[in-house]
């Protein structure tokens, strides 16, 4: 009888544990980002979902909230803090309230090319900036990217600094971005992202300062028939994860999430960079006039923005700017 009771108790525990596991289901990762699914960022997060779910044999499930469906930047931050959202992506200008070190990415003509940008985002400068988020319960995993900004407009071909003067250009709310456009002789006009296409279509503004992939995947060539390749500002996105969520994972689960993100980070950057080459080849078919600034002309544009550094040097730190330049020169 005693043996039967012991066996029955063990059976009940096993049934309870199996039922509990079934009810609990997979570990859900809610992931939010602001871009459309077809953009390289959207494609990369779909790849993350595919890899995590397959490699964990269904132990994880990734639910993606693209196109800012989870909400604005504040909603993403609050979601991560309270673990209502497990992962999210944000442009670095939005992160400046956490640390002025993020403003290094707002400086014009600082980054000469993508390999130089990688040295900053993947190195101590980029990763040290993310530590400021930890006291808010958020961990910075690493940076993916949007790309380099270029000048789109629907009025004329811009091949010199003089051509750009007076153009009314949509800008982000970033003070450094606004200052950069002003120093280049343009009239920066902040417009929320959701209203940009309509503003371009209705000619509320003459154009926009934005990278090739975002322009292409949001159909801006339909409403802007001139683009000048300036490569003025480099725009990265920081991918963040809830500290509460990460701390709740087993070492094996945690390693899976981190290593898979590292792989997808590089995949996303490749999509951005390969995508730019493909888009450049397609723009003429869309009726877009493409102008590439000569090295000498681009140098004139860079020299024209020298005062932007003076305005933000104290806040960012001259030593940090010097370290960034030295790192990229190595």
C-alpha atoms as a PDB file:
ATOM      1  CA  UNK A   1       0.000   0.000   0.000  1.00  0.00           C
ATOM      2  CA  UNK A   2       2.843   2.355   0.919  1.00  0.00           C
ATOM      3  CA  UNK A   3       4.556   1.534  -2.384  1.00  0.00           C
ATOM      4  CA  UNK A   4       1.346   2.252  -4.283  1.00  0.00           C
ATOM      5  CA  UNK A   5       0.963   5.638  -2.535  1.00  0.00           C
ATOM      6  CA  UNK A   6       4.562   6.541  -3.396  1.00  0.00           C
ATOM      7  CA  UNK A   7       4.080   5.516  -7.025  1.00  0.00           C
ATOM      8  CA  UNK A   8       0.769   7.410  -7.232  1.00  0.00           C
ATOM      9  CA  UNK A   9       2.337  10.566  -5.751  1.00  0.00           C
ATOM     10  CA  UNK A  10       5.235  10.396  -8.211  1.00  0.00           C
ATOM     11  CA  UNK A  11       2.784   9.899 -11.074  1.00  0.00           C
ATOM     12  CA  UNK A  12       0.761  12.935 -10.017  1.00  0.00           C
ATOM     13  CA  UNK A  13       3.917  15.109  -9.821  1.00  0.00           C
ATOM     14  CA  UNK A  14       4.989  13.984 -13.295  1.00  0.00           C
ATOM     15  CA  UNK A  15       1.531  14.747 -14.730  1.00  0.00           C
ATOM     16  CA  UNK A  16       1.493  18.143 -13.007  1.00  0.00           C
ATOM     17  CA  UNK A  17       4.940  19.047 -14.354  1.00  0.00           C
ATOM     18  CA  UNK A  18       4.031  17.934 -17.874  1.00  0.00           C
ATOM     19  CA  UNK A  19       0.770  19.900 -17.756  1.00  0.00           C
ATOM     20  CA  UNK A  20       2.525  22.982 -16.408  1.00  0.00           C
ATOM     21  CA  UNK A  21       5.144  22.822 -19.166  1.00  0.00           C
ATOM     22  CA  UNK A  22       2.434  22.450 -21.799  1.00  0.00           C
ATOM     23  CA  UNK A  23       0.485  25.416 -20.422  1.00  0.00           C
ATOM     24  CA  UNK A  24       3.622  27.546 -20.079  1.00  0.00           C
ATOM     25  CA  UNK A  25       4.522  27.064 -23.724  1.00  0.00           C
ATOM     26  CA  UNK A  26       7.587  28.591 -25.374  1.00  0.00           C
ATOM     27  CA  UNK A  27       9.573  31.547 -24.059  1.00  0.00           C
ATOM     28  CA  UNK A  28       8.238  34.533 -25.993  1.00  0.00           C
ATOM     29  CA  UNK A  29      10.543  37.285 -27.230  1.00  0.00           C
ATOM     30  CA  UNK A  30       8.548  40.347 -28.235  1.00  0.00           C
ATOM     31  CA  UNK A  31      10.777  42.378 -30.542  1.00  0.00           C
ATOM     32  CA  UNK A  32       9.961  45.920 -31.718  1.00  0.00           C
ATOM     33  CA  UNK A  33      11.540  48.001 -34.459  1.00  0.00           C
ATOM     34  CA  UNK A  34      10.449  51.082 -36.463  1.00  0.00           C
ATOM     35  CA  UNK A  35      11.030  49.865 -40.022  1.00  0.00           C
ATOM     36  CA  UNK A  36       8.921  48.170 -42.675  1.00  0.00           C
ATOM     37  CA  UNK A  37       9.375  44.377 -42.998  1.00  0.00           C
ATOM     38  CA  UNK A  38      11.042  44.587 -46.427  1.00  0.00           C
ATOM     39  CA  UNK A  39      13.793  46.927 -45.164  1.00  0.00           C
ATOM     40  CA  UNK A  40      17.106  45.178 -44.299  1.00  0.00           C
ATOM     41  CA  UNK A  41      16.346  45.767 -40.618  1.00  0.00           C
ATOM     42  CA  UNK A  42      13.005  44.007 -40.990  1.00  0.00           C
ATOM     43  CA  UNK A  43      14.599  41.168 -42.947  1.00  0.00           C
ATOM     44  CA  UNK A  44      17.315  40.758 -40.318  1.00  0.00           C
ATOM     45  CA  UNK A  45      14.859  40.481 -37.450  1.00  0.00           C
ATOM     46  CA  UNK A  46      12.892  37.885 -39.432  1.00  0.00           C
ATOM     47  CA  UNK A  47      16.190  35.990 -39.765  1.00  0.00           C
ATOM     48  CA  UNK A  48      16.694  36.296 -35.983  1.00  0.00           C
ATOM     49  CA  UNK A  49      13.217  34.828 -35.446  1.00  0.00           C
ATOM     50  CA  UNK A  50      13.908  31.957 -37.851  1.00  0.00           C
ATOM     51  CA  UNK A  51      17.271  31.090 -36.286  1.00  0.00           C
ATOM     52  CA  UNK A  52      16.212  31.362 -32.637  1.00  0.00           C
ATOM     53  CA  UNK A  53      13.084  29.284 -33.097  1.00  0.00           C
ATOM     54  CA  UNK A  54      14.819  26.562 -35.119  1.00  0.00           C
ATOM     55  CA  UNK A  55      17.974  26.385 -33.011  1.00  0.00           C
ATOM     56  CA  UNK A  56      15.992  26.150 -29.777  1.00  0.00           C
ATOM     57  CA  UNK A  57      13.652  23.474 -31.221  1.00  0.00           C
ATOM     58  CA  UNK A  58      10.677  25.667 -30.390  1.00  0.00           C
ATOM     59  CA  UNK A  59      11.780  26.581 -26.884  1.00  0.00           C
ATOM     60  CA  UNK A  60      11.658  30.233 -27.982  1.00  0.00           C
ATOM     61  CA  UNK A  61       9.031  32.080 -30.006  1.00  0.00           C
ATOM     62  CA  UNK A  62       9.758  35.524 -31.473  1.00  0.00           C
ATOM     63  CA  UNK A  63       6.869  37.938 -32.078  1.00  0.00           C
ATOM     64  CA  UNK A  64       7.937  40.895 -34.232  1.00  0.00           C
ATOM     65  CA  UNK A  65       6.307  44.333 -33.981  1.00  0.00           C
ATOM     66  CA  UNK A  66       7.567  46.147 -37.087  1.00  0.00           C
ATOM     67  CA  UNK A  67       6.749  49.665 -38.345  1.00  0.00           C
ATOM     68  CA  UNK A  68       6.536  51.077 -34.784  1.00  0.00           C
ATOM     69  CA  UNK A  69       3.457  48.936 -34.069  1.00  0.00           C
ATOM     70  CA  UNK A  70       4.551  48.555 -30.444  1.00  0.00           C
ATOM     71  CA  UNK A  71       4.638  52.341 -30.112  1.00  0.00           C
ATOM     72  CA  UNK A  72       7.139  55.200 -30.155  1.00  0.00           C
ATOM     73  CA  UNK A  73      10.602  55.258 -28.593  1.00  0.00           C
ATOM     74  CA  UNK A  74       9.258  55.962 -25.094  1.00  0.00           C
ATOM     75  CA  UNK A  75       6.922  52.973 -25.352  1.00  0.00           C
ATOM     76  CA  UNK A  76       9.833  50.741 -26.391  1.00  0.00           C
ATOM     77  CA  UNK A  77      11.993  51.910 -23.466  1.00  0.00           C
ATOM     78  CA  UNK A  78       9.197  51.408 -20.940  1.00  0.00           C
ATOM     79  CA  UNK A  79       8.392  48.011 -22.424  1.00  0.00           C
ATOM     80  CA  UNK A  80      11.999  46.904 -22.016  1.00  0.00           C
ATOM     81  CA  UNK A  81      12.224  48.267 -18.475  1.00  0.00           C
ATOM     82  CA  UNK A  82       9.183  46.289 -17.321  1.00  0.00           C
ATOM     83  CA  UNK A  83       9.859  43.233 -19.522  1.00  0.00           C
ATOM     84  CA  UNK A  84       6.598  43.733 -21.431  1.00  0.00           C
ATOM     85  CA  UNK A  85       8.938  43.929 -24.417  1.00  0.00           C
ATOM     86  CA  UNK A  86      12.041  41.742 -24.529  1.00  0.00           C
ATOM     87  CA  UNK A  87      13.994  43.313 -27.424  1.00  0.00           C
ATOM     88  CA  UNK A  88      13.849  46.593 -29.305  1.00  0.00           C
ATOM     89  CA  UNK A  89      15.776  48.748 -31.759  1.00  0.00           C
ATOM     90  CA  UNK A  90      16.278  52.517 -31.562  1.00  0.00           C
ATOM     91  CA  UNK A  91      18.203  55.175 -33.473  1.00  0.00           C
ATOM     92  CA  UNK A  92      21.111  56.600 -31.481  1.00  0.00           C
ATOM     93  CA  UNK A  93      19.802  60.234 -31.408  1.00  0.00           C
ATOM     94  CA  UNK A  94      16.891  58.946 -29.290  1.00  0.00           C
ATOM     95  CA  UNK A  95      19.375  57.515 -26.787  1.00  0.00           C
ATOM     96  CA  UNK A  96      21.186  60.796 -26.068  1.00  0.00           C
ATOM     97  CA  UNK A  97      19.095  61.413 -22.883  1.00  0.00           C
ATOM     98  CA  UNK A  98      20.784  58.313 -21.413  1.00  0.00           C
ATOM     99  CA  UNK A  99      24.312  59.382 -22.396  1.00  0.00           C
ATOM    100  CA  UNK A 100      25.848  62.221 -24.410  1.00  0.00           C
ATOM    101  CA  UNK A 101      28.301  59.651 -25.775  1.00  0.00           C
ATOM    102  CA  UNK A 102      25.619  58.557 -28.249  1.00  0.00           C
ATOM    103  CA  UNK A 103      25.901  62.000 -29.864  1.00  0.00           C
ATOM    104  CA  UNK A 104      29.212  60.957 -31.430  1.00  0.00           C
ATOM    105  CA  UNK A 105      27.038  59.437 -34.163  1.00  0.00           C
ATOM    106  CA  UNK A 106      25.346  62.794 -34.828  1.00  0.00           C
ATOM    107  CA  UNK A 107      28.524  64.532 -35.957  1.00  0.00           C
ATOM    108  CA  UNK A 108      28.649  65.226 -39.711  1.00  0.00           C
ATOM    109  CA  UNK A 109      31.361  63.806 -41.953  1.00  0.00           C
ATOM    110  CA  UNK A 110      33.069  62.075 -39.020  1.00  0.00           C
ATOM    111  CA  UNK A 111      32.866  58.572 -40.503  1.00  0.00           C
ATOM    112  CA  UNK A 112      34.638  58.196 -43.866  1.00  0.00           C
ATOM    113  CA  UNK A 113      33.278  54.717 -44.668  1.00  0.00           C
ATOM    114  CA  UNK A 114      31.604  51.606 -43.270  1.00  0.00           C
ATOM    115  CA  UNK A 115      34.763  49.825 -42.013  1.00  0.00           C
ATOM    116  CA  UNK A 116      35.569  52.958 -39.983  1.00  0.00           C
ATOM    117  CA  UNK A 117      32.047  53.010 -38.531  1.00  0.00           C
ATOM    118  CA  UNK A 118      32.390  49.342 -37.533  1.00  0.00           C
ATOM    119  CA  UNK A 119      35.482  50.195 -35.482  1.00  0.00           C
ATOM    120  CA  UNK A 120      33.396  52.590 -33.401  1.00  0.00           C
ATOM    121  CA  UNK A 121      30.142  50.650 -33.056  1.00  0.00           C
ATOM    122  CA  UNK A 122      31.816  47.315 -32.260  1.00  0.00           C
ATOM    123  CA  UNK A 123      34.642  48.795 -30.198  1.00  0.00           C
ATOM    124  CA  UNK A 124      34.928  50.365 -26.733  1.00  0.00           C
ATOM    125  CA  UNK A 125      33.487  53.747 -27.777  1.00  0.00           C
ATOM    126  CA  UNK A 126      30.204  52.360 -29.056  1.00  0.00           C
ATOM    127  CA  UNK A 127      29.761  49.701 -26.384  1.00  0.00           C
ATOM    128  CA  UNK A 128      30.742  51.969 -23.463  1.00  0.00           C
ATOM    129  CA  UNK A 129      27.900  54.306 -24.404  1.00  0.00           C
ATOM    130  CA  UNK A 130      25.399  51.469 -23.919  1.00  0.00           C
ATOM    131  CA  UNK A 131      26.369  51.000 -20.260  1.00  0.00           C
ATOM    132  CA  UNK A 132      24.338  54.086 -19.356  1.00  0.00           C
ATOM    133  CA  UNK A 133      21.184  52.102 -20.142  1.00  0.00           C
ATOM    134  CA  UNK A 134      21.860  49.411 -17.557  1.00  0.00           C
ATOM    135  CA  UNK A 135      20.639  51.442 -14.567  1.00  0.00           C
ATOM    136  CA  UNK A 136      17.287  51.624 -16.384  1.00  0.00           C
ATOM    137  CA  UNK A 137      17.115  47.844 -16.719  1.00  0.00           C
ATOM    138  CA  UNK A 138      18.185  47.739 -20.375  1.00  0.00           C
ATOM    139  CA  UNK A 139      21.198  46.018 -21.946  1.00  0.00           C
ATOM    140  CA  UNK A 140      22.657  47.190 -25.254  1.00  0.00           C
ATOM    141  CA  UNK A 141      23.386  44.115 -27.371  1.00  0.00           C
ATOM    142  CA  UNK A 142      25.076  45.890 -30.266  1.00  0.00           C
ATOM    143  CA  UNK A 143      24.512  48.045 -33.312  1.00  0.00           C
ATOM    144  CA  UNK A 144      22.856  47.385 -36.623  1.00  0.00           C
ATOM    145  CA  UNK A 145      22.569  50.248 -39.087  1.00  0.00           C
ATOM    146  CA  UNK A 146      20.505  52.446 -41.357  1.00  0.00           C
ATOM    147  CA  UNK A 147      23.439  53.735 -43.393  1.00  0.00           C
ATOM    148  CA  UNK A 148      24.853  57.050 -44.564  1.00  0.00           C
ATOM    149  CA  UNK A 149      22.570  60.016 -45.228  1.00  0.00           C
ATOM    150  CA  UNK A 150      22.220  61.545 -48.674  1.00  0.00           C
ATOM    151  CA  UNK A 151      20.329  64.548 -50.010  1.00  0.00           C
ATOM    152  CA  UNK A 152      17.066  63.907 -51.872  1.00  0.00           C
ATOM    153  CA  UNK A 153      15.012  66.725 -53.397  1.00  0.00           C
ATOM    154  CA  UNK A 154      12.305  67.368 -55.969  1.00  0.00           C
ATOM    155  CA  UNK A 155      13.529  70.747 -57.265  1.00  0.00           C
ATOM    156  CA  UNK A 156      16.926  70.475 -58.935  1.00  0.00           C
ATOM    157  CA  UNK A 157      20.214  68.679 -59.387  1.00  0.00           C
ATOM    158  CA  UNK A 158      22.573  69.389 -56.488  1.00  0.00           C
ATOM    159  CA  UNK A 159      26.241  68.937 -57.330  1.00  0.00           C
ATOM    160  CA  UNK A 160      27.789  71.789 -55.306  1.00  0.00           C
ATOM    161  CA  UNK A 161      27.273  73.407 -51.936  1.00  0.00           C
ATOM    162  CA  UNK A 162      25.862  76.484 -53.688  1.00  0.00           C
ATOM    163  CA  UNK A 163      23.164  74.316 -55.323  1.00  0.00           C
ATOM    164  CA  UNK A 164      21.934  73.135 -51.926  1.00  0.00           C
ATOM    165  CA  UNK A 165      21.430  76.592 -50.428  1.00  0.00           C
ATOM    166  CA  UNK A 166      17.847  77.475 -49.595  1.00  0.00           C
ATOM    167  CA  UNK A 167      16.386  73.991 -49.982  1.00  0.00           C
ATOM    168  CA  UNK A 168      13.706  73.184 -47.418  1.00  0.00           C
ATOM    169  CA  UNK A 169      14.733  69.750 -46.158  1.00  0.00           C
ATOM    170  CA  UNK A 170      12.986  67.420 -43.740  1.00  0.00           C
ATOM    171  CA  UNK A 171      15.216  66.744 -40.745  1.00  0.00           C
ATOM    172  CA  UNK A 172      15.019  64.587 -37.657  1.00  0.00           C
ATOM    173  CA  UNK A 173      14.509  66.339 -34.281  1.00  0.00           C
ATOM    174  CA  UNK A 174      18.253  65.887 -33.586  1.00  0.00           C
ATOM    175  CA  UNK A 175      19.803  69.268 -32.820  1.00  0.00           C
ATOM    176  CA  UNK A 176      23.038  68.181 -34.483  1.00  0.00           C
ATOM    177  CA  UNK A 177      21.188  67.108 -37.626  1.00  0.00           C
ATOM    178  CA  UNK A 178      19.350  70.443 -37.742  1.00  0.00           C
ATOM    179  CA  UNK A 179      22.599  72.338 -37.157  1.00  0.00           C
ATOM    180  CA  UNK A 180      24.323  70.384 -39.936  1.00  0.00           C
ATOM    181  CA  UNK A 181      21.670  71.256 -42.521  1.00  0.00           C
ATOM    182  CA  UNK A 182      21.740  74.909 -41.450  1.00  0.00           C
ATOM    183  CA  UNK A 183      25.512  75.124 -41.816  1.00  0.00           C
ATOM    184  CA  UNK A 184      25.140  73.671 -45.307  1.00  0.00           C
ATOM    185  CA  UNK A 185      22.800  76.541 -46.173  1.00  0.00           C
ATOM    186  CA  UNK A 186      19.553  74.564 -46.142  1.00  0.00           C
ATOM    187  CA  UNK A 187      16.338  75.141 -44.229  1.00  0.00           C
ATOM    188  CA  UNK A 188      15.827  72.120 -41.917  1.00  0.00           C
ATOM    189  CA  UNK A 189      12.201  71.287 -41.141  1.00  0.00           C
ATOM    190  CA  UNK A 190      11.535  68.576 -38.526  1.00  0.00           C
ATOM    191  CA  UNK A 191       8.617  66.360 -39.554  1.00  0.00           C
ATOM    192  CA  UNK A 192       7.525  63.161 -37.806  1.00  0.00           C
ATOM    193  CA  UNK A 193       8.417  59.988 -39.692  1.00  0.00           C
ATOM    194  CA  UNK A 194       4.812  58.946 -40.331  1.00  0.00           C
ATOM    195  CA  UNK A 195       4.121  62.205 -42.176  1.00  0.00           C
ATOM    196  CA  UNK A 196       7.260  62.340 -44.335  1.00  0.00           C
ATOM    197  CA  UNK A 197       5.928  60.729 -47.523  1.00  0.00           C
ATOM    198  CA  UNK A 198       2.892  63.021 -47.603  1.00  0.00           C
ATOM    199  CA  UNK A 199       5.062  66.080 -46.919  1.00  0.00           C
ATOM    200  CA  UNK A 200       7.312  65.161 -49.865  1.00  0.00           C
ATOM    201  CA  UNK A 201       4.353  64.357 -52.091  1.00  0.00           C
ATOM    202  CA  UNK A 202       2.576  67.637 -51.311  1.00  0.00           C
ATOM    203  CA  UNK A 203       5.876  69.570 -51.540  1.00  0.00           C
ATOM    204  CA  UNK A 204       5.551  70.848 -47.976  1.00  0.00           C
ATOM    205  CA  UNK A 205       9.323  70.350 -48.049  1.00  0.00           C
ATOM    206  CA  UNK A 206      11.672  70.198 -51.036  1.00  0.00           C
ATOM    207  CA  UNK A 207      13.341  67.012 -49.954  1.00  0.00           C
ATOM    208  CA  UNK A 208      14.851  64.860 -47.240  1.00  0.00           C
ATOM    209  CA  UNK A 209      18.279  63.955 -45.889  1.00  0.00           C
ATOM    210  CA  UNK A 210      18.162  60.171 -45.672  1.00  0.00           C
ATOM    211  CA  UNK A 211      19.958  56.957 -46.632  1.00  0.00           C
ATOM    212  CA  UNK A 212      19.323  54.922 -49.773  1.00  0.00           C
ATOM    213  CA  UNK A 213      17.627  51.900 -48.184  1.00  0.00           C
ATOM    214  CA  UNK A 214      15.067  53.855 -46.187  1.00  0.00           C
ATOM    215  CA  UNK A 215      14.307  56.043 -49.194  1.00  0.00           C
ATOM    216  CA  UNK A 216      13.884  53.050 -51.493  1.00  0.00           C
ATOM    217  CA  UNK A 217      11.782  50.860 -49.211  1.00  0.00           C
ATOM    218  CA  UNK A 218       9.505  53.781 -48.320  1.00  0.00           C
ATOM    219  CA  UNK A 219       8.980  54.717 -51.994  1.00  0.00           C
ATOM    220  CA  UNK A 220      10.594  58.159 -51.738  1.00  0.00           C
ATOM    221  CA  UNK A 221      11.938  57.983 -55.339  1.00  0.00           C
ATOM    222  CA  UNK A 222       8.288  58.371 -56.382  1.00  0.00           C
ATOM    223  CA  UNK A 223       8.213  61.882 -54.888  1.00  0.00           C
ATOM    224  CA  UNK A 224      11.879  62.960 -55.079  1.00  0.00           C
ATOM    225  CA  UNK A 225      13.562  62.759 -58.483  1.00  0.00           C
ATOM    226  CA  UNK A 226      17.045  63.970 -57.500  1.00  0.00           C
ATOM    227  CA  UNK A 227      19.537  62.423 -55.092  1.00  0.00           C
ATOM    228  CA  UNK A 228      23.021  63.611 -54.238  1.00  0.00           C
ATOM    229  CA  UNK A 229      25.339  61.046 -52.659  1.00  0.00           C
ATOM    230  CA  UNK A 230      26.824  63.008 -49.767  1.00  0.00           C
ATOM    231  CA  UNK A 231      27.388  60.356 -47.053  1.00  0.00           C
ATOM    232  CA  UNK A 232      27.131  63.107 -44.463  1.00  0.00           C
ATOM    233  CA  UNK A 233      25.917  61.365 -41.310  1.00  0.00           C
ATOM    234  CA  UNK A 234      26.236  57.705 -40.344  1.00  0.00           C
ATOM    235  CA  UNK A 235      23.065  56.351 -38.728  1.00  0.00           C
ATOM    236  CA  UNK A 236      23.275  53.251 -36.513  1.00  0.00           C
ATOM    237  CA  UNK A 237      20.530  51.596 -34.472  1.00  0.00           C
ATOM    238  CA  UNK A 238      21.168  50.059 -31.072  1.00  0.00           C
ATOM    239  CA  UNK A 239      19.446  46.745 -30.425  1.00  0.00           C
ATOM    240  CA  UNK A 240      18.481  46.470 -26.764  1.00  0.00           C
ATOM    241  CA  UNK A 241      17.241  43.680 -24.535  1.00  0.00           C
ATOM    242  CA  UNK A 242      15.384  43.721 -21.231  1.00  0.00           C
ATOM    243  CA  UNK A 243      17.811  43.019 -18.380  1.00  0.00           C
ATOM    244  CA  UNK A 244      15.036  41.318 -16.427  1.00  0.00           C
ATOM    245  CA  UNK A 245      14.393  38.991 -19.359  1.00  0.00           C
ATOM    246  CA  UNK A 246      18.064  38.244 -19.982  1.00  0.00           C
ATOM    247  CA  UNK A 247      18.720  37.542 -16.293  1.00  0.00           C
ATOM    248  CA  UNK A 248      15.838  35.062 -16.276  1.00  0.00           C
ATOM    249  CA  UNK A 249      17.359  32.849 -18.957  1.00  0.00           C
ATOM    250  CA  UNK A 250      19.542  29.825 -18.329  1.00  0.00           C
ATOM    251  CA  UNK A 251      23.205  30.122 -19.394  1.00  0.00           C
ATOM    252  CA  UNK A 252      22.489  27.999 -22.480  1.00  0.00           C
ATOM    253  CA  UNK A 253      19.443  30.075 -23.459  1.00  0.00           C
ATOM    254  CA  UNK A 254      21.326  33.301 -22.875  1.00  0.00           C
ATOM    255  CA  UNK A 255      24.243  32.148 -25.042  1.00  0.00           C
ATOM    256  CA  UNK A 256      21.852  31.208 -27.836  1.00  0.00           C
ATOM    257  CA  UNK A 257      20.236  34.670 -27.844  1.00  0.00           C
ATOM    258  CA  UNK A 258      23.544  36.548 -27.715  1.00  0.00           C
ATOM    259  CA  UNK A 259      25.396  34.520 -30.350  1.00  0.00           C
ATOM    260  CA  UNK A 260      22.412  34.545 -32.708  1.00  0.00           C
ATOM    261  CA  UNK A 261      22.136  38.319 -32.413  1.00  0.00           C
ATOM    262  CA  UNK A 262      25.861  38.723 -33.158  1.00  0.00           C
ATOM    263  CA  UNK A 263      25.358  36.699 -36.335  1.00  0.00           C
ATOM    264  CA  UNK A 264      22.244  38.622 -37.395  1.00  0.00           C
ATOM    265  CA  UNK A 265      23.930  41.973 -36.693  1.00  0.00           C
ATOM    266  CA  UNK A 266      26.518  41.278 -39.382  1.00  0.00           C
ATOM    267  CA  UNK A 267      23.838  39.888 -41.690  1.00  0.00           C
ATOM    268  CA  UNK A 268      21.842  43.133 -41.393  1.00  0.00           C
ATOM    269  CA  UNK A 269      24.849  45.315 -42.153  1.00  0.00           C
ATOM    270  CA  UNK A 270      25.612  43.260 -45.250  1.00  0.00           C
ATOM    271  CA  UNK A 271      22.014  43.672 -46.434  1.00  0.00           C
ATOM    272  CA  UNK A 272      22.290  47.449 -45.977  1.00  0.00           C
ATOM    273  CA  UNK A 273      25.569  47.743 -47.849  1.00  0.00           C
ATOM    274  CA  UNK A 274      24.689  45.341 -50.660  1.00  0.00           C
ATOM    275  CA  UNK A 275      21.282  46.993 -50.900  1.00  0.00           C
ATOM    276  CA  UNK A 276      22.855  50.392 -51.530  1.00  0.00           C
ATOM    277  CA  UNK A 277      24.715  49.060 -54.566  1.00  0.00           C
ATOM    278  CA  UNK A 278      21.554  47.476 -55.944  1.00  0.00           C
ATOM    279  CA  UNK A 279      19.477  50.612 -55.344  1.00  0.00           C
ATOM    280  CA  UNK A 280      22.041  52.826 -57.075  1.00  0.00           C
ATOM    281  CA  UNK A 281      21.677  50.611 -60.154  1.00  0.00           C
ATOM    282  CA  UNK A 282      17.877  50.853 -60.063  1.00  0.00           C
ATOM    283  CA  UNK A 283      17.409  54.584 -59.443  1.00  0.00           C
ATOM    284  CA  UNK A 284      17.816  55.646 -63.071  1.00  0.00           C
ATOM    285  CA  UNK A 285      15.037  53.242 -64.067  1.00  0.00           C
ATOM    286  CA  UNK A 286      12.849  55.092 -61.555  1.00  0.00           C
ATOM    287  CA  UNK A 287      13.632  58.392 -63.276  1.00  0.00           C
ATOM    288  CA  UNK A 288      15.877  59.617 -60.466  1.00  0.00           C
ATOM    289  CA  UNK A 289      18.866  61.802 -61.327  1.00  0.00           C
ATOM    290  CA  UNK A 290      21.878  60.582 -59.310  1.00  0.00           C
ATOM    291  CA  UNK A 291      24.786  62.913 -58.493  1.00  0.00           C
ATOM    292  CA  UNK A 292      27.870  61.763 -56.581  1.00  0.00           C
ATOM    293  CA  UNK A 293      29.878  64.507 -54.886  1.00  0.00           C
ATOM    294  CA  UNK A 294      33.510  64.574 -55.923  1.00  0.00           C
ATOM    295  CA  UNK A 295      36.023  64.101 -53.072  1.00  0.00           C
ATOM    296  CA  UNK A 296      36.970  67.788 -53.359  1.00  0.00           C
ATOM    297  CA  UNK A 297      33.343  68.932 -53.181  1.00  0.00           C
ATOM    298  CA  UNK A 298      32.554  66.624 -50.279  1.00  0.00           C
ATOM    299  CA  UNK A 299      35.524  68.137 -48.432  1.00  0.00           C
ATOM    300  CA  UNK A 300      33.946  71.594 -48.930  1.00  0.00           C
ATOM    301  CA  UNK A 301      30.695  70.320 -47.414  1.00  0.00           C
ATOM    302  CA  UNK A 302      32.586  68.852 -44.461  1.00  0.00           C
ATOM    303  CA  UNK A 303      34.487  72.109 -43.888  1.00  0.00           C
ATOM    304  CA  UNK A 304      31.213  74.027 -43.960  1.00  0.00           C
ATOM    305  CA  UNK A 305      29.979  72.022 -40.937  1.00  0.00           C
ATOM    306  CA  UNK A 306      32.980  72.780 -38.701  1.00  0.00           C
ATOM    307  CA  UNK A 307      30.824  74.915 -36.388  1.00  0.00           C
ATOM    308  CA  UNK A 308      28.637  71.894 -35.592  1.00  0.00           C
ATOM    309  CA  UNK A 309      31.645  70.392 -33.798  1.00  0.00           C
ATOM    310  CA  UNK A 310      32.159  73.596 -31.836  1.00  0.00           C
ATOM    311  CA  UNK A 311      28.524  73.566 -30.724  1.00  0.00           C
ATOM    312  CA  UNK A 312      28.567  69.964 -29.520  1.00  0.00           C
ATOM    313  CA  UNK A 313      32.212  69.425 -28.592  1.00  0.00           C
ATOM    314  CA  UNK A 314      31.743  70.339 -24.946  1.00  0.00           C
ATOM    315  CA  UNK A 315      28.702  68.112 -24.520  1.00  0.00           C
ATOM    316  CA  UNK A 316      30.186  65.094 -26.309  1.00  0.00           C
ATOM    317  CA  UNK A 317      33.737  65.657 -25.116  1.00  0.00           C
ATOM    318  CA  UNK A 318      36.686  66.622 -27.290  1.00  0.00           C
ATOM    319  CA  UNK A 319      38.618  63.652 -25.946  1.00  0.00           C
ATOM    320  CA  UNK A 320      35.907  61.270 -27.156  1.00  0.00           C
ATOM    321  CA  UNK A 321      35.891  62.840 -30.627  1.00  0.00           C
ATOM    322  CA  UNK A 322      39.696  62.646 -30.779  1.00  0.00           C
ATOM    323  CA  UNK A 323      39.622  59.002 -29.667  1.00  0.00           C
ATOM    324  CA  UNK A 324      37.052  58.190 -32.350  1.00  0.00           C
ATOM    325  CA  UNK A 325      39.213  59.762 -35.039  1.00  0.00           C
ATOM    326  CA  UNK A 326      42.316  57.980 -33.779  1.00  0.00           C
ATOM    327  CA  UNK A 327      40.470  54.644 -33.660  1.00  0.00           C
ATOM    328  CA  UNK A 328      39.264  54.981 -37.248  1.00  0.00           C
ATOM    329  CA  UNK A 329      42.746  55.965 -38.410  1.00  0.00           C
ATOM    330  CA  UNK A 330      44.324  52.786 -37.002  1.00  0.00           C
END
